[in-house]
Amino acid sequence: MRHKTKPAPVFSGLGEVSAAVGRGIFLLHKGVLATTTHVAYQRLDR
């Protein structure tokens, strides 16, 4: 059995894309959480 040293270009490309999408969703989620908590604290202060 021969093992390929590099994965198929399609799979590596998909991995990069999925990683970028995951990072974007994570950052977006963090931003939404920060905004909602900020607004909630502002409302509590009043």
C-alpha atoms as a PDB file:
ATOM      1  CA  MET A   1       0.000   0.000   0.000  1.00  0.00           C
ATOM      2  CA  ARG A   2       1.270   3.432  -0.933  1.00  0.00           C
ATOM      3  CA  HIS A   3       0.497   6.434   1.207  1.00  0.00           C
ATOM      4  CA  LYS A   4       0.208   9.823  -0.435  1.00  0.00           C
ATOM      5  CA  THR A   5       2.309  12.499   1.236  1.00  0.00           C
ATOM      6  CA  LYS A   6      -0.101  15.263   0.225  1.00  0.00           C
ATOM      7  CA  PRO A   7      -3.903  15.137   0.419  1.00  0.00           C
ATOM      8  CA  ALA A   8      -5.902  15.751  -2.733  1.00  0.00           C
ATOM      9  CA  PRO A   9      -5.981  19.450  -3.700  1.00  0.00           C
ATOM     10  CA  VAL A  10      -9.774  19.416  -3.560  1.00  0.00           C
ATOM     11  CA  PHE A  11      -9.798  18.172   0.020  1.00  0.00           C
ATOM     12  CA  SER A  12      -7.136  20.652   1.165  1.00  0.00           C
ATOM     13  CA  GLY A  13      -9.063  23.481  -0.522  1.00  0.00           C
ATOM     14  CA  LEU A  14     -12.284  22.391   1.158  1.00  0.00           C
ATOM     15  CA  GLY A  15     -10.479  22.217   4.483  1.00  0.00           C
ATOM     16  CA  GLU A  16      -9.187  25.771   4.083  1.00  0.00           C
ATOM     17  CA  VAL A  17     -12.632  27.033   3.087  1.00  0.00           C
ATOM     18  CA  SER A  18     -14.379  25.253   5.953  1.00  0.00           C
ATOM     19  CA  ALA A  19     -11.778  26.585   8.404  1.00  0.00           C
ATOM     20  CA  ALA A  20     -12.292  30.140   7.100  1.00  0.00           C
ATOM     21  CA  VAL A  21     -16.084  29.764   7.319  1.00  0.00           C
ATOM     22  CA  GLY A  22     -15.832  28.370  10.843  1.00  0.00           C
ATOM     23  CA  ARG A  23     -13.572  31.254  11.862  1.00  0.00           C
ATOM     24  CA  GLY A  24     -16.007  33.781  10.358  1.00  0.00           C
ATOM     25  CA  ILE A  25     -18.990  32.228  12.147  1.00  0.00           C
ATOM     26  CA  PHE A  26     -17.029  32.168  15.424  1.00  0.00           C
ATOM     27  CA  LEU A  27     -16.062  35.848  15.086  1.00  0.00           C
ATOM     28  CA  LEU A  28     -19.615  36.790  14.083  1.00  0.00           C
ATOM     29  CA  HIS A  29     -21.018  34.873  17.069  1.00  0.00           C
ATOM     30  CA  LYS A  30     -18.564  36.628  19.419  1.00  0.00           C
ATOM     31  CA  GLY A  31     -19.524  40.019  17.980  1.00  0.00           C
ATOM     32  CA  VAL A  32     -23.245  39.333  18.380  1.00  0.00           C
ATOM     33  CA  LEU A  33     -22.731  38.132  21.956  1.00  0.00           C
ATOM     34  CA  ALA A  34     -20.665  41.211  22.820  1.00  0.00           C
ATOM     35  CA  THR A  35     -23.260  43.537  21.280  1.00  0.00           C
ATOM     36  CA  THR A  36     -26.220  41.879  23.006  1.00  0.00           C
ATOM     37  CA  THR A  37     -24.503  41.856  26.407  1.00  0.00           C
ATOM     38  CA  HIS A  38     -23.472  45.507  25.943  1.00  0.00           C
ATOM     39  CA  VAL A  39     -27.055  46.507  25.088  1.00  0.00           C
ATOM     40  CA  ALA A  40     -28.404  44.456  27.996  1.00  0.00           C
ATOM     41  CA  TYR A  41     -26.024  46.172  30.445  1.00  0.00           C
ATOM     42  CA  GLN A  42     -26.983  49.603  29.075  1.00  0.00           C
ATOM     43  CA  ARG A  43     -30.655  48.786  29.612  1.00  0.00           C
ATOM     44  CA  LEU A  44     -29.977  47.512  33.134  1.00  0.00           C
ATOM     45  CA  ASP A  45     -28.134  50.730  34.031  1.00  0.00           C
ATOM     46  CA  ARG A  46     -31.166  52.871  33.196  1.00  0.00           C
END
